[in-house]
Amino acid sequence: SVANYGGLAALASILAFAPSVQEKLLSLIVLHRFSEMAEYKDELHQSGGLYALINCLTSTTQDLRVREEAAIIISNLADNEANRYAIIQENVFPTLVKIANVSDNLQLVKTFLDSISNFSLSSEGRLKLAQSGTIEFVVEQLSSKEPSVINEATIRSRIKGGTPK
């Protein structure tokens, strides 16, 4: 597989240094697939992929599509403890909330809402979620026109910390 031959590190490098939006989006499409598979989540972190994603997310000069896709992948990685800890330490929640608020990408909103329970497993994660405006974002999603978003927001509005899904 691509991952067994250093492919994730190469994708992270392309993401970090590619000059065009198209090249970044292509590497993000592949990274997205790997972020959905549990066996690659540690390697995404160890290869530098997580930090390349965070840089894409937090860079205000990036295209919104790049930032949206990075937000989805970061949210996917939250169910892995090492990734979750790194994401909490980097305090990307304000940026995630900002992007989710301006995006019309339904997958982004649902994935971010879904990841909140994982981020809330630690007291530090709950504190950063509260400080970032995430709670207000969840409450706003309760009035969404999309039933699946309302469902996710309802579930996340009950989170007090506990076990991941």
C-alpha atoms as a PDB file:
ATOM      1  CA  SER A   1       0.000   0.000   0.000  1.00  0.00           C
ATOM      2  CA  VAL A   2       0.999   3.635  -0.409  1.00  0.00           C
ATOM      3  CA  ALA A   3       1.279   4.079   3.337  1.00  0.00           C
ATOM      4  CA  ASN A   4       3.752   1.194   3.684  1.00  0.00           C
ATOM      5  CA  TYR A   5       6.239   2.934   1.394  1.00  0.00           C
ATOM      6  CA  GLY A   6       6.283   6.382   2.957  1.00  0.00           C
ATOM      7  CA  GLY A   7       3.372   7.603   0.887  1.00  0.00           C
ATOM      8  CA  LEU A   8       1.687   9.438   3.739  1.00  0.00           C
ATOM      9  CA  ALA A   9       4.850  11.429   4.431  1.00  0.00           C
ATOM     10  CA  ALA A  10       5.063  12.260   0.729  1.00  0.00           C
ATOM     11  CA  LEU A  11       1.423  13.384   0.694  1.00  0.00           C
ATOM     12  CA  ALA A  12       2.046  15.507   3.790  1.00  0.00           C
ATOM     13  CA  SER A  13       5.012  17.094   2.041  1.00  0.00           C
ATOM     14  CA  ILE A  14       2.966  17.806  -1.096  1.00  0.00           C
ATOM     15  CA  LEU A  15       0.261  19.340   1.065  1.00  0.00           C
ATOM     16  CA  ALA A  16       2.756  21.507   2.903  1.00  0.00           C
ATOM     17  CA  PHE A  17       4.681  22.740  -0.133  1.00  0.00           C
ATOM     18  CA  ALA A  18       2.451  22.461  -3.199  1.00  0.00           C
ATOM     19  CA  PRO A  19       2.121  25.850  -4.881  1.00  0.00           C
ATOM     20  CA  SER A  20      -1.324  25.336  -6.374  1.00  0.00           C
ATOM     21  CA  VAL A  21      -4.740  24.852  -4.842  1.00  0.00           C
ATOM     22  CA  GLN A  22      -5.371  21.953  -7.229  1.00  0.00           C
ATOM     23  CA  GLU A  23      -2.271  20.059  -6.022  1.00  0.00           C
ATOM     24  CA  LYS A  24      -3.262  20.625  -2.397  1.00  0.00           C
ATOM     25  CA  LEU A  25      -6.821  19.454  -3.056  1.00  0.00           C
ATOM     26  CA  LEU A  26      -5.577  16.290  -4.773  1.00  0.00           C
ATOM     27  CA  SER A  27      -3.342  15.392  -1.825  1.00  0.00           C
ATOM     28  CA  LEU A  28      -6.217  16.194   0.553  1.00  0.00           C
ATOM     29  CA  ILE A  29      -8.539  13.814  -1.319  1.00  0.00           C
ATOM     30  CA  VAL A  30      -6.090  10.961  -0.748  1.00  0.00           C
ATOM     31  CA  LEU A  31      -5.366  11.971   2.863  1.00  0.00           C
ATOM     32  CA  HIS A  32      -9.114  12.099   3.478  1.00  0.00           C
ATOM     33  CA  ARG A  33      -9.435   8.426   2.528  1.00  0.00           C
ATOM     34  CA  PHE A  34      -6.582   7.450   4.854  1.00  0.00           C
ATOM     35  CA  SER A  35      -8.062   9.542   7.693  1.00  0.00           C
ATOM     36  CA  GLU A  36     -11.150   7.338   7.626  1.00  0.00           C
ATOM     37  CA  MET A  37      -9.126   4.149   8.255  1.00  0.00           C
ATOM     38  CA  ALA A  38      -8.092   3.472  11.851  1.00  0.00           C
ATOM     39  CA  GLU A  39      -4.877   1.688  10.875  1.00  0.00           C
ATOM     40  CA  TYR A  40      -3.461   4.858   9.257  1.00  0.00           C
ATOM     41  CA  LYS A  41      -4.385   7.469  11.860  1.00  0.00           C
ATOM     42  CA  ASP A  42      -1.164   7.062  13.882  1.00  0.00           C
ATOM     43  CA  GLU A  43       0.945   7.191  10.736  1.00  0.00           C
ATOM     44  CA  LEU A  44      -0.807  10.361   9.588  1.00  0.00           C
ATOM     45  CA  HIS A  45       0.347  11.973  12.822  1.00  0.00           C
ATOM     46  CA  GLN A  46       3.859  10.492  12.769  1.00  0.00           C
ATOM     47  CA  SER A  47       4.443  11.400   9.110  1.00  0.00           C
ATOM     48  CA  GLY A  48       3.787  15.078   9.736  1.00  0.00           C
ATOM     49  CA  GLY A  49       0.445  14.902   7.983  1.00  0.00           C
ATOM     50  CA  LEU A  50      -1.512  16.190  10.954  1.00  0.00           C
ATOM     51  CA  TYR A  51       0.656  19.308  11.235  1.00  0.00           C
ATOM     52  CA  ALA A  52       0.471  19.927   7.480  1.00  0.00           C
ATOM     53  CA  LEU A  53      -3.317  19.727   7.815  1.00  0.00           C
ATOM     54  CA  ILE A  54      -3.316  22.124  10.760  1.00  0.00           C
ATOM     55  CA  ASN A  55      -1.160  24.564   8.767  1.00  0.00           C
ATOM     56  CA  CYS A  56      -3.636  24.388   5.859  1.00  0.00           C
ATOM     57  CA  LEU A  57      -6.528  24.903   8.244  1.00  0.00           C
ATOM     58  CA  THR A  58      -5.086  27.884  10.074  1.00  0.00           C
ATOM     59  CA  SER A  59      -3.523  29.659   7.104  1.00  0.00           C
ATOM     60  CA  THR A  60      -5.814  32.506   6.126  1.00  0.00           C
ATOM     61  CA  THR A  61      -4.161  32.632   2.707  1.00  0.00           C
ATOM     62  CA  GLN A  62      -5.430  29.150   1.818  1.00  0.00           C
ATOM     63  CA  ASP A  63      -8.390  28.627  -0.458  1.00  0.00           C
ATOM     64  CA  LEU A  64     -11.604  27.930   1.513  1.00  0.00           C
ATOM     65  CA  ARG A  65     -11.958  24.517  -0.182  1.00  0.00           C
ATOM     66  CA  VAL A  66      -8.493  23.541   1.099  1.00  0.00           C
ATOM     67  CA  ARG A  67      -9.350  24.746   4.593  1.00  0.00           C
ATOM     68  CA  GLU A  68     -12.706  22.914   4.540  1.00  0.00           C
ATOM     69  CA  GLU A  69     -11.126  19.622   3.489  1.00  0.00           C
ATOM     70  CA  ALA A  70      -8.369  20.018   6.106  1.00  0.00           C
ATOM     71  CA  ALA A  71     -11.079  20.623   8.742  1.00  0.00           C
ATOM     72  CA  ILE A  72     -12.910  17.436   7.742  1.00  0.00           C
ATOM     73  CA  ILE A  73      -9.733  15.360   7.919  1.00  0.00           C
ATOM     74  CA  ILE A  74      -8.693  16.858  11.272  1.00  0.00           C
ATOM     75  CA  SER A  75     -12.144  16.068  12.639  1.00  0.00           C
ATOM     76  CA  ASN A  76     -11.843  12.492  11.305  1.00  0.00           C
ATOM     77  CA  LEU A  77      -8.539  12.070  13.143  1.00  0.00           C
ATOM     78  CA  ALA A  78     -10.030  13.058  16.523  1.00  0.00           C
ATOM     79  CA  ASP A  79     -10.975   9.506  17.460  1.00  0.00           C
ATOM     80  CA  ASN A  80      -7.273   8.609  17.741  1.00  0.00           C
ATOM     81  CA  GLU A  81      -5.782   9.565  21.126  1.00  0.00           C
ATOM     82  CA  ALA A  82      -2.414  10.851  19.864  1.00  0.00           C
ATOM     83  CA  ASN A  83      -4.067  12.935  17.159  1.00  0.00           C
ATOM     84  CA  ARG A  84      -6.721  14.234  19.533  1.00  0.00           C
ATOM     85  CA  TYR A  85      -4.052  15.335  22.036  1.00  0.00           C
ATOM     86  CA  ALA A  86      -2.044  17.123  19.307  1.00  0.00           C
ATOM     87  CA  ILE A  87      -5.156  18.836  17.932  1.00  0.00           C
ATOM     88  CA  ILE A  88      -6.137  20.024  21.416  1.00  0.00           C
ATOM     89  CA  GLN A  89      -2.583  21.293  22.039  1.00  0.00           C
ATOM     90  CA  GLU A  90      -2.626  23.227  18.760  1.00  0.00           C
ATOM     91  CA  ASN A  91      -5.969  24.776  19.787  1.00  0.00           C
ATOM     92  CA  VAL A  92      -7.515  24.705  16.325  1.00  0.00           C
ATOM     93  CA  PHE A  93     -11.088  24.885  17.637  1.00  0.00           C
ATOM     94  CA  PRO A  94     -11.611  28.614  16.990  1.00  0.00           C
ATOM     95  CA  THR A  95     -10.544  28.077  13.377  1.00  0.00           C
ATOM     96  CA  LEU A  96     -12.694  24.952  13.002  1.00  0.00           C
ATOM     97  CA  VAL A  97     -15.715  26.871  14.310  1.00  0.00           C
ATOM     98  CA  LYS A  98     -15.006  29.845  12.031  1.00  0.00           C
ATOM     99  CA  ILE A  99     -14.688  27.669   8.932  1.00  0.00           C
ATOM    100  CA  ALA A 100     -17.757  25.580   9.806  1.00  0.00           C
ATOM    101  CA  ASN A 101     -19.749  28.801  10.301  1.00  0.00           C
ATOM    102  CA  VAL A 102     -18.916  30.201   6.857  1.00  0.00           C
ATOM    103  CA  SER A 103     -19.004  26.928   4.971  1.00  0.00           C
ATOM    104  CA  ASP A 104     -21.958  25.501   3.107  1.00  0.00           C
ATOM    105  CA  ASN A 105     -20.174  22.117   3.130  1.00  0.00           C
ATOM    106  CA  LEU A 106     -22.628  19.859   4.970  1.00  0.00           C
ATOM    107  CA  GLN A 107     -20.059  17.088   5.383  1.00  0.00           C
ATOM    108  CA  LEU A 108     -17.734  19.500   7.194  1.00  0.00           C
ATOM    109  CA  VAL A 109     -20.430  20.595   9.646  1.00  0.00           C
ATOM    110  CA  LYS A 110     -21.524  17.017  10.377  1.00  0.00           C
ATOM    111  CA  THR A 111     -17.953  15.702  10.737  1.00  0.00           C
ATOM    112  CA  PHE A 112     -16.991  18.532  13.094  1.00  0.00           C
ATOM    113  CA  LEU A 113     -20.126  17.989  15.183  1.00  0.00           C
ATOM    114  CA  ASP A 114     -19.379  14.275  15.298  1.00  0.00           C
ATOM    115  CA  SER A 115     -15.796  14.875  16.488  1.00  0.00           C
ATOM    116  CA  ILE A 116     -16.823  17.032  19.441  1.00  0.00           C
ATOM    117  CA  SER A 117     -17.515  14.006  21.650  1.00  0.00           C
ATOM    118  CA  ASN A 118     -13.951  12.801  21.073  1.00  0.00           C
ATOM    119  CA  PHE A 119     -12.461  16.198  21.846  1.00  0.00           C
ATOM    120  CA  SER A 120     -14.547  16.418  25.027  1.00  0.00           C
ATOM    121  CA  LEU A 121     -12.969  13.291  26.556  1.00  0.00           C
ATOM    122  CA  SER A 122     -10.398  15.336  28.465  1.00  0.00           C
ATOM    123  CA  SER A 123     -10.950  18.304  30.731  1.00  0.00           C
ATOM    124  CA  GLU A 124      -8.466  20.292  28.623  1.00  0.00           C
ATOM    125  CA  GLY A 125     -10.414  19.435  25.479  1.00  0.00           C
ATOM    126  CA  ARG A 126     -13.712  20.481  27.083  1.00  0.00           C
ATOM    127  CA  LEU A 127     -12.168  23.761  28.226  1.00  0.00           C
ATOM    128  CA  LYS A 128     -10.777  24.564  24.767  1.00  0.00           C
ATOM    129  CA  LEU A 129     -14.118  23.656  23.159  1.00  0.00           C
ATOM    130  CA  ALA A 130     -15.921  26.012  25.536  1.00  0.00           C
ATOM    131  CA  GLN A 131     -13.424  28.841  24.998  1.00  0.00           C
ATOM    132  CA  SER A 132     -13.560  28.542  21.209  1.00  0.00           C
ATOM    133  CA  GLY A 133     -17.257  29.167  20.638  1.00  0.00           C
ATOM    134  CA  THR A 134     -17.927  25.522  19.847  1.00  0.00           C
ATOM    135  CA  ILE A 135     -20.842  25.334  22.277  1.00  0.00           C
ATOM    136  CA  GLU A 136     -22.506  28.308  20.596  1.00  0.00           C
ATOM    137  CA  PHE A 137     -21.882  26.673  17.215  1.00  0.00           C
ATOM    138  CA  VAL A 138     -23.584  23.460  18.377  1.00  0.00           C
ATOM    139  CA  VAL A 139     -26.575  25.422  19.679  1.00  0.00           C
ATOM    140  CA  GLU A 140     -26.861  27.300  16.357  1.00  0.00           C
ATOM    141  CA  GLN A 141     -26.898  23.988  14.488  1.00  0.00           C
ATOM    142  CA  LEU A 142     -30.006  22.946  16.430  1.00  0.00           C
ATOM    143  CA  SER A 143     -31.951  25.293  14.131  1.00  0.00           C
ATOM    144  CA  SER A 144     -30.407  23.948  10.919  1.00  0.00           C
ATOM    145  CA  LYS A 145     -32.665  23.098   7.988  1.00  0.00           C
ATOM    146  CA  GLU A 146     -30.811  19.804   7.584  1.00  0.00           C
ATOM    147  CA  PRO A 147     -32.245  16.991   9.794  1.00  0.00           C
ATOM    148  CA  SER A 148     -28.921  15.110  10.001  1.00  0.00           C
ATOM    149  CA  VAL A 149     -27.193  18.257  11.297  1.00  0.00           C
ATOM    150  CA  ILE A 150     -29.936  18.779  13.888  1.00  0.00           C
ATOM    151  CA  ASN A 151     -29.500  15.168  14.995  1.00  0.00           C
ATOM    152  CA  GLU A 152     -25.717  15.539  15.408  1.00  0.00           C
ATOM    153  CA  ALA A 153     -26.130  18.873  17.210  1.00  0.00           C
ATOM    154  CA  THR A 154     -28.700  17.367  19.574  1.00  0.00           C
ATOM    155  CA  ILE A 155     -26.376  14.489  20.426  1.00  0.00           C
ATOM    156  CA  ARG A 156     -23.369  16.805  20.913  1.00  0.00           C
ATOM    157  CA  SER A 157     -25.334  19.257  23.059  1.00  0.00           C
ATOM    158  CA  ARG A 158     -25.602  16.467  25.651  1.00  0.00           C
ATOM    159  CA  ILE A 159     -21.857  15.766  25.849  1.00  0.00           C
ATOM    160  CA  LYS A 160     -20.348  16.082  29.309  1.00  0.00           C
ATOM    161  CA  GLY A 161     -17.270  13.950  28.750  1.00  0.00           C
ATOM    162  CA  GLY A 162     -17.123  10.186  28.803  1.00  0.00           C
ATOM    163  CA  THR A 163     -16.201   7.486  26.373  1.00  0.00           C
ATOM    164  CA  PRO A 164     -15.599   7.931  22.654  1.00  0.00           C
ATOM    165  CA  LYS A 165     -18.002   6.445  20.174  1.00  0.00           C
END
